[in-house]
Amino acid sequence: MPLAHWDECADLALTRIRASGAEYGDIRIQHGVTQLIEGEDRRIARIDEQADSGFGVRVLYRGGWGFAASSILSFEDIPRVADLAIAMAKQASLMVRPIRLVEEPVHVDHVRTPRCIDPFDVPIEEKTCLLSDIMEYLHGQPRIVRSRATLWARQDRKLFVSTEGTHLVFDLLAVQGGCEATAAHHGLFASRRFSTPHLRTGYELIRNTDFLSEASRIAAQAIEKVNAPPVEAGTYDLVLDPEHLVLTIHETCGHPSELDRALGYEANYAGTSFLTPELRGTFRYGSPCVTLVADNTEPETLAATGYDDDGVACQRWDIVRDGRFVGYCTNRELASLIGDTRSRGSNRAQSWAHIPMIRIANIGLEPGPYHLDQLIGGTTRGIYIEGHGSYSIDQ
């Protein structure tokens, strides 16, 4: 269905919800396109472009949630899905603790993430030539036996409308690229990789990146790594570079600060959380140099979408201040359970087919009083870790 008719679809669903006597309801309509191009060992191994679209309806009836979704966006299917969400909410209203949403101002806005060059307007030939050039360069280096190079882009057009009057239109774009080199020596293999951040920007991120320079660096490091002796077991100080540290913070500071996880509502891949509510304000998370800030307003970052999937405006707040744990990532449902009067805007759905849940904000470590050369200079027995060898990491 054309975007021009999305508002009519939303009105149809919300009219149904209001007539049911529910205290709250919203609808998210979304169309997304993902493009992935992968090169492997001098050849383009994959060119994939997928589109997905649909809508999800949430209803809060007498303190119980109901949710239903469909990939068929039509005037015929909207009432059916809305009625299903209402029916589920009525069943959930029997729960022991009724849900009460904290207040949020009504927002009417159009969010378009910044971009100079739309990646979907860039010819496939230009992208495949870039990946081929990177791989050819890597294989031209001594002892490099394998290469990989990738480009990724995602665009989401989304409409969020609630019974409270919030009306939000989104045009969200994200881009990323990277390459990897594997060296061999005496039957051993070692790899190094370079990745741009995933940023909400346009294809200028790729054109402004010197991939051949980065390819030269990772090839040299892969060769150095495969020839390096193993690290002796022992006790070391660790100095982490930003690319490694960002993942460490994400897993060991970000996930534990999700309030639903801290309350025991969630225990998925990242596990449970030790940051239970009674620790807020007192728990010593690190030295006084450590301040961790959640910031969903920083331009071009992935969570800088203007609003979350509760329709709550993006914000900046402290997770840890001067070494003490002080704040959570929250949503409208759970914020009141820790005494907060407003959500931090951290409720996000994986897609139109999923109900929103609390997800990590953009979390970063504020600069301390020391520079990298001082940290290294003050270390007598240590290991400096640059980059990360896994998509996930724990302590």
Protein backbone atom coordinates (compact mmCIF):
# COMPACT_ATOMS: atom_id res chain seq x y z
CA MET A 1 0.00 0.00 0.00
CA PRO A 2 1.37 3.48 -0.85
CA LEU A 3 2.67 5.63 1.99
CA ALA A 4 -0.05 8.17 1.22
CA HIS A 5 -2.67 5.78 2.66
CA TRP A 6 -0.80 4.93 5.87
CA ASP A 7 -2.58 7.64 7.88
CA GLU A 8 -5.96 6.24 6.84
CA CYS A 9 -4.88 2.80 8.01
CA ALA A 10 -3.73 4.20 11.34
CA ASP A 11 -7.01 6.07 11.86
CA LEU A 12 -8.96 2.89 11.14
CA ALA A 13 -7.01 0.94 13.80
CA LEU A 14 -7.16 3.66 16.46
CA THR A 15 -10.90 4.17 15.94
CA ARG A 16 -11.36 0.47 16.63
CA ILE A 17 -9.21 0.67 19.77
CA ARG A 18 -11.01 3.72 21.18
CA ALA A 19 -14.38 2.06 20.64
CA SER A 20 -13.26 -0.94 22.71
CA GLY A 21 -12.82 1.16 25.84
CA ALA A 22 -9.05 0.56 26.01
CA GLU A 23 -7.05 3.17 27.88
CA TYR A 24 -4.25 3.23 25.31
CA GLY A 25 -3.35 1.95 21.85
CA ASP A 26 -0.83 2.56 19.09
CA ILE A 27 0.04 1.33 15.62
CA ARG A 28 3.42 1.09 13.88
CA ILE A 29 3.46 0.77 10.10
CA GLN A 30 6.87 0.05 8.62
CA HIS A 31 8.57 -0.64 5.30
CA GLY A 32 12.25 -1.56 5.35
CA VAL A 33 14.86 -2.35 2.70
CA THR A 34 18.23 -3.97 3.44
CA GLN A 35 21.07 -4.28 0.93
CA LEU A 36 24.10 -6.47 1.58
CA ILE A 37 27.03 -6.96 -0.79
CA GLU A 38 29.75 -9.43 0.21
CA GLY A 39 33.06 -10.18 -1.45
CA GLU A 40 35.22 -13.17 -0.64
CA ASP A 41 38.65 -14.10 -2.02
CA ARG A 42 38.62 -11.79 -5.07
CA ARG A 43 35.01 -12.59 -6.05
CA ILE A 44 31.64 -11.02 -5.31
CA ALA A 45 29.99 -13.80 -3.35
CA ARG A 46 26.62 -12.22 -2.56
CA ILE A 47 24.39 -9.36 -3.66
CA ASP A 48 21.22 -9.37 -1.63
CA GLU A 49 18.45 -6.80 -1.36
CA GLN A 50 15.39 -7.61 0.73
CA ALA A 51 12.30 -5.61 1.55
CA ASP A 52 9.88 -6.27 4.37
CA SER A 53 6.75 -4.41 5.41
CA GLY A 54 3.83 -4.72 7.75
CA PHE A 55 2.20 -3.24 10.82
CA GLY A 56 1.83 -3.97 14.52
CA VAL A 57 -0.95 -2.88 16.88
CA ARG A 58 -0.57 -2.53 20.66
CA VAL A 59 -3.51 -2.18 23.03
CA LEU A 60 -3.57 -1.56 26.79
CA TYR A 61 -6.91 -2.64 28.25
CA ARG A 62 -7.49 -2.40 32.01
CA GLY A 63 -3.78 -2.78 32.65
CA GLY A 64 -3.10 -5.66 30.25
CA TRP A 65 -1.13 -5.56 26.99
CA GLY A 66 -2.31 -7.04 23.71
CA PHE A 67 -0.30 -7.10 20.50
CA ALA A 68 -0.98 -8.36 17.00
CA ALA A 69 0.75 -7.83 13.65
CA SER A 70 0.34 -8.59 9.96
CA SER A 71 2.35 -8.31 6.76
CA ILE A 72 -0.85 -7.51 4.85
CA LEU A 73 -1.43 -3.77 5.06
CA SER A 74 -4.96 -3.35 3.76
CA PHE A 75 -8.19 -1.70 4.84
CA GLU A 76 -9.64 -5.19 5.25
CA ASP A 77 -6.86 -6.55 7.51
CA ILE A 78 -6.44 -3.52 9.76
CA PRO A 79 -9.72 -4.10 11.71
CA ARG A 80 -9.02 -7.83 12.07
CA VAL A 81 -5.57 -7.26 13.56
CA ALA A 82 -6.78 -4.42 15.81
CA ASP A 83 -9.59 -6.64 17.13
CA LEU A 84 -7.11 -9.45 17.78
CA ALA A 85 -4.87 -7.11 19.78
CA ILE A 86 -7.90 -5.90 21.76
CA ALA A 87 -8.98 -9.48 22.51
CA MET A 88 -5.49 -10.37 23.72
CA ALA A 89 -5.38 -7.28 25.92
CA LYS A 90 -8.69 -8.19 27.54
CA GLN A 91 -7.30 -11.60 28.43
CA ALA A 92 -4.10 -10.03 29.80
CA SER A 93 -6.14 -7.63 31.96
CA LEU A 94 -6.56 -10.49 34.43
CA MET A 95 -2.89 -10.15 35.44
CA VAL A 96 -2.05 -9.47 39.11
CA ARG A 97 -0.30 -6.13 38.62
CA PRO A 98 -2.05 -3.81 36.13
CA ILE A 99 0.26 -1.85 33.85
CA ARG A 100 0.24 1.92 34.16
CA LEU A 101 2.14 4.04 31.63
CA VAL A 102 4.07 7.08 32.83
CA GLU A 103 3.17 10.36 31.18
CA GLU A 104 4.75 11.58 27.94
CA PRO A 105 3.96 14.78 26.03
CA VAL A 106 2.13 14.44 22.72
CA HIS A 107 4.56 14.64 19.81
CA VAL A 108 3.85 15.44 16.16
CA ASP A 109 7.05 15.25 14.16
CA HIS A 110 8.83 14.05 11.00
CA VAL A 111 12.27 12.52 11.57
CA ARG A 112 14.69 12.13 8.68
CA THR A 113 18.19 11.00 9.58
CA PRO A 114 20.96 12.97 7.83
CA ARG A 115 22.43 11.86 4.51
CA CYS A 116 24.15 13.47 1.54
CA ILE A 117 24.15 10.42 -0.75
CA ASP A 118 21.40 7.80 -0.66
CA PRO A 119 23.20 4.42 -0.73
CA PHE A 120 20.34 2.90 -2.71
CA ASP A 121 20.98 5.43 -5.51
CA VAL A 122 24.63 4.37 -5.85
CA PRO A 123 25.13 1.89 -8.74
CA ILE A 124 25.85 -1.70 -7.77
CA GLU A 125 28.83 -1.60 -10.15
CA GLU A 126 30.50 1.12 -8.08
CA LYS A 127 30.06 -0.90 -4.90
CA THR A 128 31.28 -4.20 -6.34
CA CYS A 129 34.30 -2.47 -7.93
CA LEU A 130 35.23 -1.03 -4.52
CA LEU A 131 35.04 -4.45 -2.86
CA SER A 132 36.98 -6.08 -5.71
CA ASP A 133 39.74 -3.45 -5.47
CA ILE A 134 40.03 -4.02 -1.71
CA MET A 135 40.30 -7.80 -2.11
CA GLU A 136 42.81 -7.56 -4.97
CA TYR A 137 44.97 -5.29 -2.85
CA LEU A 138 44.82 -7.67 0.12
CA HIS A 139 45.80 -10.68 -1.97
CA GLY A 140 48.73 -8.69 -3.32
CA GLN A 141 50.29 -8.62 0.15
CA PRO A 142 52.67 -11.43 1.18
CA ARG A 143 51.16 -14.35 3.13
CA ILE A 144 47.58 -13.06 2.80
CA VAL A 145 45.57 -16.11 1.76
CA ARG A 146 41.98 -15.01 2.31
CA SER A 147 40.05 -11.78 2.03
CA ARG A 148 36.56 -10.49 2.74
CA ALA A 149 34.87 -7.13 2.08
CA THR A 150 31.30 -6.05 2.74
CA LEU A 151 28.91 -3.12 2.29
CA TRP A 152 25.60 -2.86 4.14
CA ALA A 153 22.74 -0.37 4.04
CA ARG A 154 19.27 -0.24 5.59
CA GLN A 155 16.37 2.17 5.14
CA ASP A 156 13.22 2.18 7.26
CA ARG A 157 10.13 4.25 6.60
CA LYS A 158 7.83 4.13 9.60
CA LEU A 159 4.64 5.70 10.94
CA PHE A 160 3.81 5.68 14.66
CA VAL A 161 0.40 6.93 15.81
CA SER A 162 -1.15 6.57 19.27
CA THR A 163 -4.57 7.17 20.82
CA GLU A 164 -2.96 9.96 22.87
CA GLY A 165 -2.42 12.01 19.71
CA THR A 166 1.26 11.38 19.00
CA HIS A 167 1.94 11.20 15.25
CA LEU A 168 5.48 10.43 14.11
CA VAL A 169 6.84 9.86 10.60
CA PHE A 170 10.32 8.35 10.23
CA ASP A 171 12.79 8.05 7.35
CA LEU A 172 15.77 6.26 8.87
CA LEU A 173 18.94 5.32 7.03
CA ALA A 174 22.03 3.39 8.19
CA VAL A 175 25.26 2.43 6.40
CA GLN A 176 28.34 0.32 7.19
CA GLY A 177 31.32 -1.23 5.42
CA GLY A 178 34.39 -3.30 6.23
CA CYS A 179 37.11 -5.70 5.13
CA GLU A 180 39.15 -8.59 6.56
CA ALA A 181 42.51 -10.17 5.80
CA THR A 182 43.74 -13.63 6.82
CA ALA A 183 47.45 -14.50 6.85
CA ALA A 184 49.00 -17.98 6.91
CA HIS A 185 52.40 -19.13 8.22
CA HIS A 186 53.60 -22.66 8.96
CA GLY A 187 50.05 -24.03 9.15
CA LEU A 188 48.77 -21.24 11.38
CA PHE A 189 46.18 -18.62 10.43
CA ALA A 190 45.43 -15.17 11.84
CA SER A 191 42.91 -12.53 10.79
CA ARG A 192 42.48 -8.81 11.25
CA ARG A 193 39.54 -6.73 10.17
CA PHE A 194 38.48 -3.13 9.72
CA SER A 195 34.91 -1.89 10.08
CA THR A 196 33.36 1.50 9.82
CA PRO A 197 30.80 2.13 12.55
CA HIS A 198 27.15 1.49 11.74
CA LEU A 199 26.01 5.10 11.35
CA ARG A 200 22.78 6.83 10.43
CA THR A 201 24.26 8.66 7.49
CA GLY A 202 24.53 8.21 3.74
CA TYR A 203 26.95 6.58 1.33
CA GLU A 204 29.36 9.44 1.94
CA LEU A 205 30.55 7.37 4.91
CA ILE A 206 31.90 4.80 2.43
CA ARG A 207 33.31 7.30 -0.08
CA ASN A 208 35.08 9.22 2.67
CA THR A 209 36.76 6.10 4.07
CA ASP A 210 40.23 5.21 2.77
CA PHE A 211 39.63 1.47 2.50
CA LEU A 212 42.94 0.74 0.75
CA SER A 213 44.88 2.39 3.57
CA GLU A 214 42.90 0.37 6.12
CA ALA A 215 43.45 -2.78 4.03
CA SER A 216 47.19 -2.16 4.11
CA ARG A 217 47.10 -1.82 7.88
CA ILE A 218 45.05 -4.97 8.59
CA ALA A 219 47.15 -7.03 6.14
CA ALA A 220 50.33 -6.00 7.93
CA GLN A 221 48.75 -6.70 11.31
CA ALA A 222 47.47 -10.12 10.21
CA ILE A 223 51.00 -11.04 9.12
CA GLU A 224 52.43 -9.71 12.39
CA LYS A 225 49.80 -11.61 14.36
CA VAL A 226 50.38 -14.98 12.67
CA ASN A 227 54.12 -14.67 13.40
CA ALA A 228 53.70 -13.53 17.00
CA PRO A 229 54.48 -15.89 19.88
CA PRO A 230 51.56 -16.83 22.15
CA VAL A 231 50.99 -14.64 25.19
CA GLU A 232 52.38 -16.18 28.35
CA ALA A 233 49.85 -16.94 31.04
CA GLY A 234 49.91 -14.48 33.90
CA THR A 235 48.48 -11.32 35.37
CA TYR A 236 48.45 -8.25 33.12
CA ASP A 237 47.03 -4.77 32.99
CA LEU A 238 44.74 -4.31 30.00
CA VAL A 239 44.58 -1.19 27.86
CA LEU A 240 41.59 -1.28 25.50
CA ASP A 241 41.25 0.76 22.32
CA PRO A 242 37.88 2.38 21.56
CA GLU A 243 36.71 -0.28 19.08
CA HIS A 244 37.22 -2.98 21.70
CA LEU A 245 36.00 -0.86 24.61
CA VAL A 246 32.72 0.02 22.92
CA LEU A 247 31.76 -3.67 22.78
CA THR A 248 32.89 -4.24 26.37
CA ILE A 249 30.75 -1.32 27.53
CA HIS A 250 27.81 -2.53 25.44
CA GLU A 251 27.81 -5.99 27.01
CA THR A 252 28.94 -5.38 30.61
CA CYS A 253 27.48 -1.92 31.21
CA GLY A 254 24.73 -1.49 28.62
CA HIS A 255 22.71 -4.70 28.92
CA PRO A 256 22.78 -4.70 32.76
CA SER A 257 21.26 -1.19 32.72
CA GLU A 258 18.11 -2.37 30.89
CA LEU A 259 15.42 -2.07 33.55
CA ASP A 260 13.36 -5.05 32.36
CA ARG A 261 16.48 -7.22 32.67
CA ALA A 262 17.29 -5.78 36.12
CA LEU A 263 13.75 -6.55 37.32
CA GLY A 264 13.98 -10.15 36.12
CA TYR A 265 11.53 -9.73 33.21
CA GLU A 266 14.16 -10.72 30.66
CA ALA A 267 17.04 -13.19 30.62
CA ASN A 268 17.85 -13.77 26.96
CA TYR A 269 21.24 -14.11 25.23
CA ALA A 270 22.88 -11.39 27.36
CA GLY A 271 21.71 -13.05 30.58
CA THR A 272 20.29 -11.40 33.65
CA SER A 273 21.51 -8.25 35.43
CA PHE A 274 23.28 -7.65 38.73
CA LEU A 275 22.17 -3.98 38.74
CA THR A 276 19.04 -4.46 40.88
CA PRO A 277 17.10 -1.31 41.83
CA GLU A 278 18.36 -1.09 45.43
CA LEU A 279 21.89 -0.54 44.03
CA ARG A 280 21.00 2.66 42.20
CA GLY A 281 22.88 5.57 43.68
CA THR A 282 25.16 3.47 45.90
CA PHE A 283 26.83 0.72 43.86
CA ARG A 284 30.47 1.41 43.02
CA TYR A 285 30.80 0.53 39.32
CA GLY A 286 34.31 1.85 38.80
CA SER A 287 36.82 4.46 39.88
CA PRO A 288 35.75 8.12 40.17
CA CYS A 289 37.16 8.57 36.64
CA VAL A 290 34.38 6.39 35.21
CA THR A 291 31.30 8.16 33.85
CA LEU A 292 29.07 6.32 31.39
CA VAL A 293 26.53 8.41 29.50
CA ALA A 294 23.53 7.16 27.53
CA ASP A 295 22.90 9.50 24.62
CA ASN A 296 20.19 8.84 22.04
CA THR A 297 20.47 12.38 20.73
CA GLU A 298 24.02 12.25 19.31
CA PRO A 299 23.67 12.76 15.53
CA GLU A 300 24.31 9.78 13.21
CA THR A 301 24.34 7.19 16.00
CA LEU A 302 22.04 4.19 15.55
CA ALA A 303 19.70 4.99 18.43
CA ALA A 304 19.37 8.66 17.40
CA THR A 305 15.97 8.13 15.80
CA GLY A 306 14.21 11.09 17.41
CA TYR A 307 11.76 8.90 19.32
CA ASP A 308 11.50 5.32 20.52
CA ASP A 309 8.64 2.89 19.80
CA ASP A 310 6.67 4.22 22.77
CA GLY A 311 6.64 7.62 21.06
CA VAL A 312 9.01 8.97 23.74
CA ALA A 313 11.54 11.63 22.69
CA CYS A 314 15.20 10.57 22.67
CA GLN A 315 17.25 11.82 25.61
CA ARG A 316 20.71 11.94 27.22
CA TRP A 317 21.28 10.72 30.79
CA ASP A 318 23.87 9.14 33.09
CA ILE A 319 24.20 5.40 33.63
CA VAL A 320 27.29 5.78 35.85
CA ARG A 321 28.46 9.11 37.25
CA ASP A 322 31.87 9.44 38.96
CA GLY A 323 32.05 5.68 39.35
CA ARG A 324 28.59 5.13 40.88
CA PHE A 325 25.60 3.50 39.16
CA VAL A 326 22.81 6.08 38.85
CA GLY A 327 20.46 5.34 35.94
CA TYR A 328 18.63 2.77 33.81
CA CYS A 329 17.36 2.45 30.27
CA THR A 330 13.57 2.49 30.74
CA ASN A 331 10.20 2.51 28.97
CA ARG A 332 6.76 3.91 29.82
CA GLU A 333 5.61 0.64 31.36
CA LEU A 334 8.36 0.07 33.92
CA ALA A 335 9.73 3.55 34.75
CA SER A 336 7.30 4.07 37.63
CA LEU A 337 8.49 0.87 39.35
CA ILE A 338 11.75 2.65 40.26
CA GLY A 339 10.09 5.96 41.04
CA ASP A 340 10.75 7.69 37.71
CA THR A 341 7.97 9.91 36.36
CA ARG A 342 9.11 9.74 32.72
CA SER A 343 10.55 7.07 30.44
CA ARG A 344 14.10 7.43 29.14
CA GLY A 345 12.87 6.50 25.65
CA SER A 346 14.58 3.11 25.34
CA ASN A 347 11.66 0.98 24.10
CA ARG A 348 12.39 -0.45 20.64
CA ALA A 349 10.98 -3.20 18.48
CA GLN A 350 13.11 -5.36 16.21
CA SER A 351 10.53 -4.95 13.45
CA TRP A 352 6.86 -4.22 12.84
CA ALA A 353 6.15 -7.86 13.79
CA HIS A 354 7.65 -7.54 17.29
CA ILE A 355 6.37 -5.86 20.42
CA PRO A 356 8.79 -3.17 21.69
CA MET A 357 11.08 -3.96 24.61
CA ILE A 358 13.78 -2.06 26.49
CA ARG A 359 17.00 -1.96 24.50
CA ILE A 360 20.36 -0.36 25.23
CA ALA A 361 20.85 3.28 24.40
CA ASN A 362 24.00 4.64 22.76
CA ILE A 363 26.31 4.31 25.78
CA GLY A 364 29.78 5.81 25.91
CA LEU A 365 32.59 6.42 28.37
CA GLU A 366 33.29 10.10 28.97
CA PRO A 367 36.92 11.19 28.58
CA GLY A 368 39.00 10.88 31.74
CA PRO A 369 42.09 12.78 32.81
CA TYR A 370 44.54 10.46 31.00
CA HIS A 371 45.55 10.07 27.36
CA LEU A 372 46.38 6.77 25.68
CA ASP A 373 50.13 7.40 25.73
CA GLN A 374 49.92 8.04 29.48
CA LEU A 375 47.97 4.81 30.03
CA ILE A 376 50.51 2.81 28.04
CA GLY A 377 53.45 4.66 29.58
CA GLY A 378 52.22 3.86 33.07
CA THR A 379 51.84 0.14 32.32
CA THR A 380 54.83 -2.08 33.09
CA ARG A 381 53.27 -5.48 32.32
CA GLY A 382 50.28 -5.16 30.07
CA ILE A 383 48.40 -6.06 26.93
CA TYR A 384 47.00 -3.50 24.50
CA ILE A 385 43.89 -4.78 22.73
CA GLU A 386 42.92 -3.14 19.45
CA GLY A 387 39.69 -4.20 17.75
CA HIS A 388 37.60 -7.20 18.69
CA GLY A 389 37.54 -10.76 17.41
CA SER A 390 33.91 -11.50 18.21
CA TYR A 391 30.53 -9.87 17.75
CA SER A 392 29.88 -10.39 21.48
CA ILE A 393 32.07 -10.41 24.55
CA ASP A 394 31.83 -10.68 28.32
CA GLN A 395 34.24 -10.17 31.19
